[in-house]
PDB file of N, CA and C in Angstrom:
ATOM      1  N   MET A   1     -24.776 -28.687 -32.449  1.00  0.00           N
ATOM      2  CA  MET A   1     -25.145 -27.588 -31.444  1.00  0.00           C
ATOM      3  C   MET A   1     -24.973 -28.156 -29.888  1.00  0.00           C
ATOM      4  N   LYS A   2     -24.229 -29.101 -29.892  1.00  0.00           N
ATOM      5  CA  LYS A   2     -23.662 -29.550 -28.523  1.00  0.00           C
ATOM      6  C   LYS A   2     -22.219 -28.988 -28.346  1.00  0.00           C
ATOM      7  N   LEU A   3     -21.710 -28.876 -29.755  1.00  0.00           N
ATOM      8  CA  LEU A   3     -20.290 -28.430 -29.490  1.00  0.00           C
ATOM      9  C   LEU A   3     -20.475 -26.765 -29.418  1.00  0.00           C
ATOM     10  N   LEU A   4     -21.500 -26.211 -29.510  1.00  0.00           N
ATOM     11  CA  LEU A   4     -21.463 -24.827 -29.383  1.00  0.00           C
ATOM     12  C   LEU A   4     -21.414 -24.536 -27.854  1.00  0.00           C
ATOM     13  N   GLY A   5     -22.599 -25.268 -27.858  1.00  0.00           N
ATOM     14  CA  GLY A   5     -22.830 -25.001 -26.021  1.00  0.00           C
ATOM     15  C   GLY A   5     -21.564 -24.837 -25.306  1.00  0.00           C
ATOM     16  N   ARG A   6     -20.709 -26.210 -25.227  1.00  0.00           N
ATOM     17  CA  ARG A   6     -19.641 -26.275 -24.632  1.00  0.00           C
ATOM     18  C   ARG A   6     -18.491 -25.519 -24.950  1.00  0.00           C
ATOM     19  N   SER A   7     -18.828 -24.814 -25.898  1.00  0.00           N
ATOM     20  CA  SER A   7     -17.484 -23.701 -26.226  1.00  0.00           C
ATOM     21  C   SER A   7     -18.120 -22.134 -25.612  1.00  0.00           C
ATOM     22  N   LEU A   8     -19.444 -22.048 -25.914  1.00  0.00           N
ATOM     23  CA  LEU A   8     -19.788 -21.113 -25.130  1.00  0.00           C
ATOM     24  C   LEU A   8     -19.547 -21.163 -23.568  1.00  0.00           C
ATOM     25  N   THR A   9     -19.768 -22.402 -22.642  1.00  0.00           N
ATOM     26  CA  THR A   9     -19.643 -22.451 -21.572  1.00  0.00           C
ATOM     27  C   THR A   9     -18.032 -22.512 -21.022  1.00  0.00           C
ATOM     28  N   CYS A  10     -17.192 -22.881 -22.016  1.00  0.00           N
ATOM     29  CA  CYS A  10     -15.854 -22.879 -21.372  1.00  0.00           C
ATOM     30  C   CYS A  10     -15.523 -21.306 -21.972  1.00  0.00           C
ATOM     31  N   LEU A  11     -15.852 -20.400 -22.544  1.00  0.00           N
ATOM     32  CA  LEU A  11     -15.744 -18.666 -22.930  1.00  0.00           C
ATOM     33  C   LEU A  11     -16.276 -18.412 -21.955  1.00  0.00           C
ATOM     34  N   LEU A  12     -17.634 -18.501 -21.669  1.00  0.00           N
ATOM     35  CA  LEU A  12     -17.945 -17.798 -20.458  1.00  0.00           C
ATOM     36  C   LEU A  12     -17.188 -18.085 -18.862  1.00  0.00           C
ATOM     37  N   GLY A  13     -17.001 -19.260 -18.589  1.00  0.00           N
ATOM     38  CA  GLY A  13     -16.027 -19.425 -17.553  1.00  0.00           C
ATOM     39  C   GLY A  13     -15.000 -19.032 -17.558  1.00  0.00           C
ATOM     40  N   THR A  14     -14.113 -19.025 -18.445  1.00  0.00           N
ATOM     41  CA  THR A  14     -12.400 -18.352 -19.015  1.00  0.00           C
ATOM     42  C   THR A  14     -12.753 -16.578 -18.482  1.00  0.00           C
ATOM     43  N   VAL A  15     -13.931 -16.128 -19.175  1.00  0.00           N
ATOM     44  CA  VAL A  15     -14.473 -14.560 -19.152  1.00  0.00           C
ATOM     45  C   VAL A  15     -14.505 -14.338 -17.608  1.00  0.00           C
ATOM     46  N   PHE A  16     -14.984 -15.073 -16.905  1.00  0.00           N
ATOM     47  CA  PHE A  16     -15.621 -14.831 -15.337  1.00  0.00           C
ATOM     48  C   PHE A  16     -14.068 -15.048 -14.573  1.00  0.00           C
ATOM     49  N   VAL A  17     -13.434 -16.054 -15.024  1.00  0.00           N
ATOM     50  CA  VAL A  17     -12.052 -16.227 -13.872  1.00  0.00           C
ATOM     51  C   VAL A  17     -11.326 -15.595 -14.268  1.00  0.00           C
ATOM     52  N   PHE A  18     -11.077 -14.942 -15.319  1.00  0.00           N
ATOM     53  CA  PHE A  18     -10.358 -13.425 -15.614  1.00  0.00           C
ATOM     54  C   PHE A  18     -10.579 -12.078 -15.145  1.00  0.00           C
ATOM     55  N   THR A  19     -11.891 -12.014 -14.969  1.00  0.00           N
ATOM     56  CA  THR A  19     -12.511 -10.752 -14.279  1.00  0.00           C
ATOM     57  C   THR A  19     -12.838 -10.858 -12.650  1.00  0.00           C
ATOM     58  N   ALA A  20     -12.692 -12.033 -12.464  1.00  0.00           N
ATOM     59  CA  ALA A  20     -13.025 -12.048 -10.736  1.00  0.00           C
ATOM     60  C   ALA A  20     -11.468 -12.032 -10.433  1.00  0.00           C
ATOM     61  N   CYS A  21     -10.376 -12.367 -10.786  1.00  0.00           N
ATOM     62  CA  CYS A  21      -9.173 -12.579 -10.405  1.00  0.00           C
ATOM     63  C   CYS A  21      -8.557 -11.166 -10.124  1.00  0.00           C
ATOM     64  N   ASP A  22      -8.440 -10.694  -9.043  1.00  0.00           N
ATOM     65  CA  ASP A  22      -7.296  -9.577  -8.515  1.00  0.00           C
ATOM     66  C   ASP A  22      -5.888  -9.811  -8.438  1.00  0.00           C
ATOM     67  N   ASP A  23      -5.182 -10.721  -8.930  1.00  0.00           N
ATOM     68  CA  ASP A  23      -3.915 -11.058  -8.687  1.00  0.00           C
ATOM     69  C   ASP A  23      -3.123 -10.845 -10.257  1.00  0.00           C
ATOM     70  N   LEU A  24      -3.927 -10.351 -11.177  1.00  0.00           N
ATOM     71  CA  LEU A  24      -3.676 -10.042 -12.446  1.00  0.00           C
ATOM     72  C   LEU A  24      -3.140  -8.551 -12.565  1.00  0.00           C
ATOM     73  N   THR A  25      -2.815  -8.010 -11.655  1.00  0.00           N
ATOM     74  CA  THR A  25      -2.321  -6.548 -11.523  1.00  0.00           C
ATOM     75  C   THR A  25      -0.993  -6.467 -11.849  1.00  0.00           C
ATOM     76  N   ARG A  26      -0.489  -5.328 -12.768  1.00  0.00           N
ATOM     77  CA  ARG A  26       0.481  -5.438 -13.169  1.00  0.00           C
ATOM     78  C   ARG A  26       1.713  -4.548 -12.290  1.00  0.00           C
ATOM     79  N   PHE A  27       0.936  -3.294 -11.707  1.00  0.00           N
ATOM     80  CA  PHE A  27       1.714  -2.865 -10.542  1.00  0.00           C
ATOM     81  C   PHE A  27       0.639  -2.069 -10.009  1.00  0.00           C
ATOM     82  N   SER A  28       0.848  -1.791  -8.918  1.00  0.00           N
ATOM     83  CA  SER A  28       0.002  -0.541  -7.928  1.00  0.00           C
ATOM     84  C   SER A  28       1.101   0.054  -6.603  1.00  0.00           C
ATOM     85  N   TYR A  29       0.427   1.218  -6.082  1.00  0.00           N
ATOM     86  CA  TYR A  29       1.155   2.172  -5.116  1.00  0.00           C
ATOM     87  C   TYR A  29       0.423   2.749  -4.376  1.00  0.00           C
ATOM     88  N   GLU A  30       0.943   3.129  -3.354  1.00  0.00           N
ATOM     89  CA  GLU A  30       0.168   4.273  -2.501  1.00  0.00           C
ATOM     90  C   GLU A  30       0.969   5.225  -2.054  1.00  0.00           C
ATOM     91  N   ASN A  31       0.511   6.203  -2.036  1.00  0.00           N
ATOM     92  CA  ASN A  31       1.221   7.366  -1.266  1.00  0.00           C
ATOM     93  C   ASN A  31       0.397   8.136  -0.399  1.00  0.00           C
ATOM     94  N   TYR A  32       0.962   8.244   0.900  1.00  0.00           N
ATOM     95  CA  TYR A  32       0.553   9.151   2.093  1.00  0.00           C
ATOM     96  C   TYR A  32       1.701  10.412   1.899  1.00  0.00           C
ATOM     97  N   SER A  33       0.421  11.127   1.464  1.00  0.00           N
ATOM     98  CA  SER A  33       1.106  12.681   1.554  1.00  0.00           C
ATOM     99  C   SER A  33       0.713  13.597   2.850  1.00  0.00           C
ATOM    100  N   CYS A  34       1.625  13.986   3.629  1.00  0.00           N
ATOM    101  CA  CYS A  34       1.361  14.748   4.971  1.00  0.00           C
ATOM    102  C   CYS A  34       1.709  15.991   5.034  1.00  0.00           C
ATOM    103  N   GLU A  35       1.185  16.550   5.614  1.00  0.00           N
ATOM    104  CA  GLU A  35       1.363  18.281   5.969  1.00  0.00           C
ATOM    105  C   GLU A  35       2.645  18.633   6.119  1.00  0.00           C
ATOM    106  N   PRO A  36       3.600  19.282   5.597  1.00  0.00           N
ATOM    107  CA  PRO A  36       4.798  19.540   6.608  1.00  0.00           C
ATOM    108  C   PRO A  36       4.889  20.546   7.168  1.00  0.00           C
ATOM    109  N   ARG A  37       3.762  21.380   7.490  1.00  0.00           N
ATOM    110  CA  ARG A  37       3.878  22.026   8.722  1.00  0.00           C
ATOM    111  C   ARG A  37       3.201  21.470   9.878  1.00  0.00           C
ATOM    112  N   GLN A  38       2.602  20.605   9.779  1.00  0.00           N
ATOM    113  CA  GLN A  38       2.507  19.341  10.757  1.00  0.00           C
ATOM    114  C   GLN A  38       3.253  18.935  11.565  1.00  0.00           C
ATOM    115  N   THR A  39       4.297  17.963  10.722  1.00  0.00           N
ATOM    116  CA  THR A  39       5.046  17.085  11.193  1.00  0.00           C
ATOM    117  C   THR A  39       6.629  17.141   9.884  1.00  0.00           C
ATOM    118  N   ALA A  40       7.532  16.532  11.141  1.00  0.00           N
ATOM    119  CA  ALA A  40       8.826  16.253  10.131  1.00  0.00           C
ATOM    120  C   ALA A  40       8.353  15.349   8.432  1.00  0.00           C
ATOM    121  N   LEU A  41       7.372  14.789   8.774  1.00  0.00           N
ATOM    122  CA  LEU A  41       6.849  13.482   7.467  1.00  0.00           C
ATOM    123  C   LEU A  41       6.511  14.124   6.711  1.00  0.00           C
ATOM    124  N   TYR A  42       6.831  14.248   5.631  1.00  0.00           N
ATOM    125  CA  TYR A  42       6.178  14.703   4.273  1.00  0.00           C
ATOM    126  C   TYR A  42       5.495  13.443   3.614  1.00  0.00           C
ATOM    127  N   GLU A  43       6.165  12.357   3.227  1.00  0.00           N
ATOM    128  CA  GLU A  43       5.339  11.315   2.098  1.00  0.00           C
ATOM    129  C   GLU A  43       5.765  10.106   2.629  1.00  0.00           C
ATOM    130  N   ILE A  44       5.078   9.113   2.443  1.00  0.00           N
ATOM    131  CA  ILE A  44       5.531   7.517   2.505  1.00  0.00           C
ATOM    132  C   ILE A  44       4.941   7.044   0.763  1.00  0.00           C
ATOM    133  N   SER A  45       5.833   6.466   0.099  1.00  0.00           N
ATOM    134  CA  SER A  45       5.589   5.915  -1.137  1.00  0.00           C
ATOM    135  C   SER A  45       5.720   4.629  -0.878  1.00  0.00           C
ATOM    136  N   VAL A  46       4.827   3.965  -1.124  1.00  0.00           N
ATOM    137  CA  VAL A  46       4.874   2.231  -1.404  1.00  0.00           C
ATOM    138  C   VAL A  46       4.541   1.732  -2.509  1.00  0.00           C
ATOM    139  N   GLY A  47       5.401   1.282  -3.189  1.00  0.00           N
ATOM    140  CA  GLY A  47       5.516   0.719  -4.551  1.00  0.00           C
ATOM    141  C   GLY A  47       5.290  -0.594  -4.777  1.00  0.00           C
ATOM    142  N   ASN A  48       5.447  -1.279  -3.785  1.00  0.00           N
ATOM    143  CA  ASN A  48       5.333  -3.250  -3.982  1.00  0.00           C
ATOM    144  C   ASN A  48       4.555  -3.366  -2.744  1.00  0.00           C
ATOM    145  N   LEU A  49       3.263  -3.478  -2.946  1.00  0.00           N
ATOM    146  CA  LEU A  49       2.135  -3.657  -1.613  1.00  0.00           C
ATOM    147  C   LEU A  49       2.570  -5.444  -1.067  1.00  0.00           C
ATOM    148  N   LYS A  50       3.890  -5.836  -0.513  1.00  0.00           N
ATOM    149  CA  LYS A  50       3.706  -7.028  -0.011  1.00  0.00           C
ATOM    150  C   LYS A  50       4.820  -7.150   1.057  1.00  0.00           C
ATOM    151  N   ARG A  51       4.734  -8.006   1.809  1.00  0.00           N
ATOM    152  CA  ARG A  51       5.564  -7.984   3.390  1.00  0.00           C
ATOM    153  C   ARG A  51       7.131  -8.130   2.733  1.00  0.00           C
ATOM    154  N   GLY A  52       7.823  -7.504   3.252  1.00  0.00           N
ATOM    155  CA  GLY A  52       9.575  -7.564   2.761  1.00  0.00           C
ATOM    156  C   GLY A  52       9.793  -6.073   1.572  1.00  0.00           C
ATOM    157  N   ALA A  53       8.957  -5.956   1.500  1.00  0.00           N
ATOM    158  CA  ALA A  53       9.142  -4.947   0.479  1.00  0.00           C
ATOM    159  C   ALA A  53       9.763  -3.714   0.927  1.00  0.00           C
ATOM    160  N   ILE A  54      10.308  -2.753  -0.189  1.00  0.00           N
ATOM    161  CA  ILE A  54      10.812  -1.329   0.728  1.00  0.00           C
ATOM    162  C   ILE A  54       9.801  -0.208   0.593  1.00  0.00           C
ATOM    163  N   ALA A  55       9.610   0.533   1.368  1.00  0.00           N
ATOM    164  CA  ALA A  55       9.212   1.738   1.072  1.00  0.00           C
ATOM    165  C   ALA A  55       9.824   2.963   1.560  1.00  0.00           C
ATOM    166  N   ASN A  56       9.411   3.731   0.711  1.00  0.00           N
ATOM    167  CA  ASN A  56      10.680   5.329   0.660  1.00  0.00           C
ATOM    168  C   ASN A  56       9.608   6.171   1.586  1.00  0.00           C
ATOM    169  N   VAL A  57      10.298   6.576   2.638  1.00  0.00           N
ATOM    170  CA  VAL A  57       9.975   7.831   3.532  1.00  0.00           C
ATOM    171  C   VAL A  57      10.395   8.976   3.400  1.00  0.00           C
ATOM    172  N   GLN A  58       9.868   9.980   3.383  1.00  0.00           N
ATOM    173  CA  GLN A  58      10.352  11.617   3.114  1.00  0.00           C
ATOM    174  C   GLN A  58      10.234  12.293   4.118  1.00  0.00           C
ATOM    175  N   PHE A  59      11.067  12.268   5.057  1.00  0.00           N
ATOM    176  CA  PHE A  59      10.806  13.243   6.353  1.00  0.00           C
ATOM    177  C   PHE A  59      11.631  14.556   5.705  1.00  0.00           C
ATOM    178  N   ALA A  60      11.266  15.844   6.549  1.00  0.00           N
ATOM    179  CA  ALA A  60      12.396  17.193   6.329  1.00  0.00           C
ATOM    180  C   ALA A  60      13.578  16.863   5.989  1.00  0.00           C
ATOM    181  N   SER A  61      14.069  16.157   6.827  1.00  0.00           N
ATOM    182  CA  SER A  61      15.689  16.269   6.838  1.00  0.00           C
ATOM    183  C   SER A  61      16.565  15.182   6.102  1.00  0.00           C
ATOM    184  N   LYS A  62      15.761  14.034   5.956  1.00  0.00           N
ATOM    185  CA  LYS A  62      16.049  12.799   5.397  1.00  0.00           C
ATOM    186  C   LYS A  62      15.020  11.862   4.366  1.00  0.00           C
ATOM    187  N   LEU A  63      15.557  11.155   3.637  1.00  0.00           N
ATOM    188  CA  LEU A  63      14.893  10.312   3.232  1.00  0.00           C
ATOM    189  C   LEU A  63      15.407   8.870   3.890  1.00  0.00           C
ATOM    190  N   ILE A  64      14.211   7.814   4.303  1.00  0.00           N
ATOM    191  CA  ILE A  64      14.716   6.755   4.821  1.00  0.00           C
ATOM    192  C   ILE A  64      14.096   5.473   3.929  1.00  0.00           C
ATOM    193  N   LYS A  65      14.509   4.435   4.141  1.00  0.00           N
ATOM    194  CA  LYS A  65      13.817   3.130   3.722  1.00  0.00           C
ATOM    195  C   LYS A  65      13.347   2.259   4.611  1.00  0.00           C
ATOM    196  N   ALA A  66      12.302   2.023   4.713  1.00  0.00           N
ATOM    197  CA  ALA A  66      11.447   1.044   5.400  1.00  0.00           C
ATOM    198  C   ALA A  66      11.055  -0.334   5.154  1.00  0.00           C
ATOM    199  N   GLU A  67      10.977  -1.229   5.807  1.00  0.00           N
ATOM    200  CA  GLU A  67      10.717  -2.333   5.418  1.00  0.00           C
ATOM    201  C   GLU A  67       9.152  -2.907   5.668  1.00  0.00           C
ATOM    202  N   ILE A  68       8.557  -3.399   4.978  1.00  0.00           N
ATOM    203  CA  ILE A  68       7.146  -3.662   5.364  1.00  0.00           C
ATOM    204  C   ILE A  68       7.076  -4.734   6.345  1.00  0.00           C
ATOM    205  N   LEU A  69       6.769  -4.972   7.450  1.00  0.00           N
ATOM    206  CA  LEU A  69       6.500  -5.914   8.128  1.00  0.00           C
ATOM    207  C   LEU A  69       5.219  -6.399   8.352  1.00  0.00           C
ATOM    208  N   SER A  70       4.168  -5.808   8.174  1.00  0.00           N
ATOM    209  CA  SER A  70       3.227  -6.543   7.683  1.00  0.00           C
ATOM    210  C   SER A  70       1.960  -5.712   7.214  1.00  0.00           C
ATOM    211  N   LEU A  71       1.281  -6.316   6.873  1.00  0.00           N
ATOM    212  CA  LEU A  71       0.358  -5.564   5.344  1.00  0.00           C
ATOM    213  C   LEU A  71      -1.385  -6.263   5.654  1.00  0.00           C
ATOM    214  N   THR A  72      -2.346  -5.565   5.894  1.00  0.00           N
ATOM    215  CA  THR A  72      -3.410  -5.858   5.753  1.00  0.00           C
ATOM    216  C   THR A  72      -4.354  -5.106   5.123  1.00  0.00           C
ATOM    217  N   GLN A  73      -5.844  -5.327   5.089  1.00  0.00           N
ATOM    218  CA  GLN A  73      -6.863  -4.217   4.172  1.00  0.00           C
ATOM    219  C   GLN A  73      -6.873  -3.283   5.098  1.00  0.00           C
ATOM    220  N   ASP A  74      -6.454  -3.110   6.063  1.00  0.00           N
ATOM    221  CA  ASP A  74      -6.528  -1.989   6.978  1.00  0.00           C
ATOM    222  C   ASP A  74      -5.345  -0.952   7.544  1.00  0.00           C
ATOM    223  N   GLU A  75      -4.015  -1.779   7.450  1.00  0.00           N
ATOM    224  CA  GLU A  75      -2.839  -1.240   7.646  1.00  0.00           C
ATOM    225  C   GLU A  75      -1.452  -1.735   7.265  1.00  0.00           C
ATOM    226  N   ILE A  76      -0.501  -0.742   7.043  1.00  0.00           N
ATOM    227  CA  ILE A  76       0.579  -1.400   6.845  1.00  0.00           C
ATOM    228  C   ILE A  76       1.346  -0.769   8.233  1.00  0.00           C
ATOM    229  N   SER A  77       2.354  -1.733   8.149  1.00  0.00           N
ATOM    230  CA  SER A  77       3.426  -1.596   9.429  1.00  0.00           C
ATOM    231  C   SER A  77       4.728  -1.780   8.965  1.00  0.00           C
ATOM    232  N   MET A  78       5.389  -0.723   9.026  1.00  0.00           N
ATOM    233  CA  MET A  78       6.988  -0.673   8.558  1.00  0.00           C
ATOM    234  C   MET A  78       8.076   0.147   9.482  1.00  0.00           C
ATOM    235  N   GLU A  79       9.228  -0.553   9.081  1.00  0.00           N
ATOM    236  CA  GLU A  79      10.275  -0.040  10.244  1.00  0.00           C
ATOM    237  C   GLU A  79      11.714   0.243   9.371  1.00  0.00           C
ATOM    238  N   GLY A  80      12.277   0.876   9.734  1.00  0.00           N
ATOM    239  CA  GLY A  80      13.721   1.201   9.280  1.00  0.00           C
ATOM    240  C   GLY A  80      14.601   2.551   9.912  1.00  0.00           C
ATOM    241  N   GLU A  81      15.847   2.509  10.205  1.00  0.00           N
ATOM    242  CA  GLU A  81      16.515   3.107  10.642  1.00  0.00           C
ATOM    243  C   GLU A  81      16.058   4.037  11.792  1.00  0.00           C
ATOM    244  N   GLY A  82      16.009   2.902  12.620  1.00  0.00           N
ATOM    245  CA  GLY A  82      15.336   3.551  14.085  1.00  0.00           C
ATOM    246  C   GLY A  82      13.964   4.229  14.082  1.00  0.00           C
ATOM    247  N   VAL A  83      13.060   4.177  13.017  1.00  0.00           N
ATOM    248  CA  VAL A  83      11.319   4.900  12.791  1.00  0.00           C
ATOM    249  C   VAL A  83      10.653   3.694  12.431  1.00  0.00           C
ATOM    250  N   ARG A  84       9.520   3.625  13.457  1.00  0.00           N
ATOM    251  CA  ARG A  84       8.556   2.511  12.771  1.00  0.00           C
ATOM    252  C   ARG A  84       7.253   3.567  12.727  1.00  0.00           C
ATOM    253  N   LEU A  85       6.915   2.876  11.326  1.00  0.00           N
ATOM    254  CA  LEU A  85       5.176   3.537  11.336  1.00  0.00           C
ATOM    255  C   LEU A  85       4.267   2.767  11.018  1.00  0.00           C
ATOM    256  N   ILE A  86       2.676   3.079  11.260  1.00  0.00           N
ATOM    257  CA  ILE A  86       2.022   2.242  11.630  1.00  0.00           C
ATOM    258  C   ILE A  86       1.078   3.120  10.398  1.00  0.00           C
ATOM    259  N   ALA A  87       0.640   2.751   9.003  1.00  0.00           N
ATOM    260  CA  ALA A  87      -0.342   3.517   8.428  1.00  0.00           C
ATOM    261  C   ALA A  87      -1.799   3.130   7.898  1.00  0.00           C
ATOM    262  N   ASN A  88      -2.790   3.559   8.767  1.00  0.00           N
ATOM    263  CA  ASN A  88      -4.125   3.010   8.517  1.00  0.00           C
ATOM    264  C   ASN A  88      -4.429   3.499   6.843  1.00  0.00           C
ATOM    265  N   ARG A  89      -4.635   2.517   6.299  1.00  0.00           N
ATOM    266  CA  ARG A  89      -4.922   2.406   4.715  1.00  0.00           C
ATOM    267  C   ARG A  89      -6.274   3.276   4.260  1.00  0.00           C
ATOM    268  N   LYS A  90      -6.963   3.306   5.518  1.00  0.00           N
ATOM    269  CA  LYS A  90      -8.712   3.584   5.080  1.00  0.00           C
ATOM    270  C   LYS A  90      -8.741   4.922   5.538  1.00  0.00           C
ATOM    271  N   THR A  91      -8.414   5.533   6.445  1.00  0.00           N
ATOM    272  CA  THR A  91      -8.019   6.741   6.885  1.00  0.00           C
ATOM    273  C   THR A  91      -7.237   7.727   6.420  1.00  0.00           C
ATOM    274  N   GLY A  92      -5.776   6.976   6.298  1.00  0.00           N
ATOM    275  CA  GLY A  92      -4.421   7.580   6.244  1.00  0.00           C
ATOM    276  C   GLY A  92      -3.849   8.267   7.148  1.00  0.00           C
ATOM    277  N   SER A  93      -4.509   7.876   8.698  1.00  0.00           N
ATOM    278  CA  SER A  93      -3.701   8.430   9.643  1.00  0.00           C
ATOM    279  C   SER A  93      -2.645   7.537  10.031  1.00  0.00           C
ATOM    280  N   ILE A  94      -1.448   8.315  10.452  1.00  0.00           N
ATOM    281  CA  ILE A  94       0.360   7.629  10.511  1.00  0.00           C
ATOM    282  C   ILE A  94       0.658   7.637  11.824  1.00  0.00           C
ATOM    283  N   GLN A  95       0.931   6.943  12.348  1.00  0.00           N
ATOM    284  CA  GLN A  95       1.409   6.711  13.938  1.00  0.00           C
ATOM    285  C   GLN A  95       3.152   6.514  13.454  1.00  0.00           C
ATOM    286  N   ILE A  96       3.800   7.473  13.920  1.00  0.00           N
ATOM    287  CA  ILE A  96       5.180   7.565  13.615  1.00  0.00           C
ATOM    288  C   ILE A  96       5.796   7.087  15.415  1.00  0.00           C
ATOM    289  N   PHE A  97       6.699   6.290  15.286  1.00  0.00           N
ATOM    290  CA  PHE A  97       7.360   5.628  16.758  1.00  0.00           C
ATOM    291  C   PHE A  97       8.829   6.244  16.418  1.00  0.00           C
ATOM    292  N   VAL A  98       9.648   7.169  17.117  1.00  0.00           N
ATOM    293  CA  VAL A  98      10.779   7.204  16.759  1.00  0.00           C
ATOM    294  C   VAL A  98      11.744   7.304  18.373  1.00  0.00           C
ATOM    295  N   GLY A  99      12.240   6.327  18.660  1.00  0.00           N
ATOM    296  CA  GLY A  99      12.704   6.049  19.985  1.00  0.00           C
ATOM    297  C   GLY A  99      11.510   5.745  20.902  1.00  0.00           C
ATOM    298  N   ASN A 100      11.587   6.955  21.858  1.00  0.00           N
ATOM    299  CA  ASN A 100      10.215   6.853  23.332  1.00  0.00           C
ATOM    300  C   ASN A 100       9.278   7.888  23.060  1.00  0.00           C
ATOM    301  N   THR A 101       9.440   8.531  21.595  1.00  0.00           N
ATOM    302  CA  THR A 101       8.280   9.432  20.926  1.00  0.00           C
ATOM    303  C   THR A 101       7.497   8.450  20.110  1.00  0.00           C
ATOM    304  N   TYR A 102       6.029   9.266  20.136  1.00  0.00           N
ATOM    305  CA  TYR A 102       5.101   8.892  19.516  1.00  0.00           C
ATOM    306  C   TYR A 102       4.263  10.159  18.848  1.00  0.00           C
ATOM    307  N   GLU A 103       3.923   9.954  17.998  1.00  0.00           N
ATOM    308  CA  GLU A 103       3.484  11.326  17.096  1.00  0.00           C
ATOM    309  C   GLU A 103       2.164  10.556  16.188  1.00  0.00           C
ATOM    310  N   SER A 104       1.075  11.332  15.979  1.00  0.00           N
ATOM    311  CA  SER A 104       0.191  10.588  15.133  1.00  0.00           C
ATOM    312  C   SER A 104      -0.458  11.852  14.039  1.00  0.00           C
ATOM    313  N   VAL A 105      -0.220  11.683  12.826  1.00  0.00           N
ATOM    314  CA  VAL A 105      -0.333  12.554  11.496  1.00  0.00           C
ATOM    315  C   VAL A 105      -1.799  11.933  10.775  1.00  0.00           C
ATOM    316  N   ARG A 106      -2.346  12.797  10.282  1.00  0.00           N
ATOM    317  CA  ARG A 106      -3.264  12.672   9.085  1.00  0.00           C
ATOM    318  C   ARG A 106      -2.480  13.233   7.854  1.00  0.00           C
ATOM    319  N   CYS A 107      -2.627  12.250   7.226  1.00  0.00           N
ATOM    320  CA  CYS A 107      -2.323  12.189   5.567  1.00  0.00           C
ATOM    321  C   CYS A 107      -3.316  12.238   4.664  1.00  0.00           C
ATOM    322  N   VAL A 108      -2.962  12.621   3.263  1.00  0.00           N
ATOM    323  CA  VAL A 108      -3.895  11.943   1.908  1.00  0.00           C
ATOM    324  C   VAL A 108      -3.402  10.916   1.512  1.00  0.00           C
ATOM    325  N   ILE A 109      -4.546   9.732   1.167  1.00  0.00           N
ATOM    326  CA  ILE A 109      -3.717   8.631   0.342  1.00  0.00           C
ATOM    327  C   ILE A 109      -4.156   8.789  -1.074  1.00  0.00           C
ATOM    328  N   ASP A 110      -2.989   8.370  -1.958  1.00  0.00           N
ATOM    329  CA  ASP A 110      -3.273   8.260  -3.346  1.00  0.00           C
ATOM    330  C   ASP A 110      -3.027   7.157  -3.624  1.00  0.00           C
ATOM    331  N   LYS A 111      -3.917   6.026  -4.088  1.00  0.00           N
ATOM    332  CA  LYS A 111      -3.868   4.958  -4.582  1.00  0.00           C
ATOM    333  C   LYS A 111      -4.035   4.572  -6.022  1.00  0.00           C
ATOM    334  N   PHE A 112      -2.960   3.673  -6.705  1.00  0.00           N
ATOM    335  CA  PHE A 112      -3.339   3.153  -7.808  1.00  0.00           C
ATOM    336  C   PHE A 112      -3.017   1.793  -8.467  1.00  0.00           C
ATOM    337  N   LYS A 113      -3.663   1.511  -9.145  1.00  0.00           N
ATOM    338  CA  LYS A 113      -3.911  -0.136  -9.456  1.00  0.00           C
ATOM    339  C   LYS A 113      -3.939  -0.293 -11.052  1.00  0.00           C
ATOM    340  N   MET A 114      -3.119  -1.192 -11.691  1.00  0.00           N
ATOM    341  CA  MET A 114      -3.138  -1.143 -13.017  1.00  0.00           C
ATOM    342  C   MET A 114      -2.907  -2.943 -13.147  1.00  0.00           C
TER     343      MET A 114
END
């Protein structure tokens, strides 16, 4: 009886640890799709959600690679080829800095995690 109690406790403990662990994600991505008539920014695709990873940024005239500089629960900051982007992960608002120009765009967020 004592052995059954220990086994059950170990089993429940293992199940609890695996269900509470969020680091067992195989892959995840975030896409930000923007209105092409509103801005030259069409889409940002982030396939690897970690600092130093590369995001694909599609503009009307070109595709650029941007390095993720910082990543928090609220925003992603990235930079590449003279363009700096700050994406709000909750609202979908994107701030675009190119040289001395600034633009703010609203985009639709598509998140997937498995």
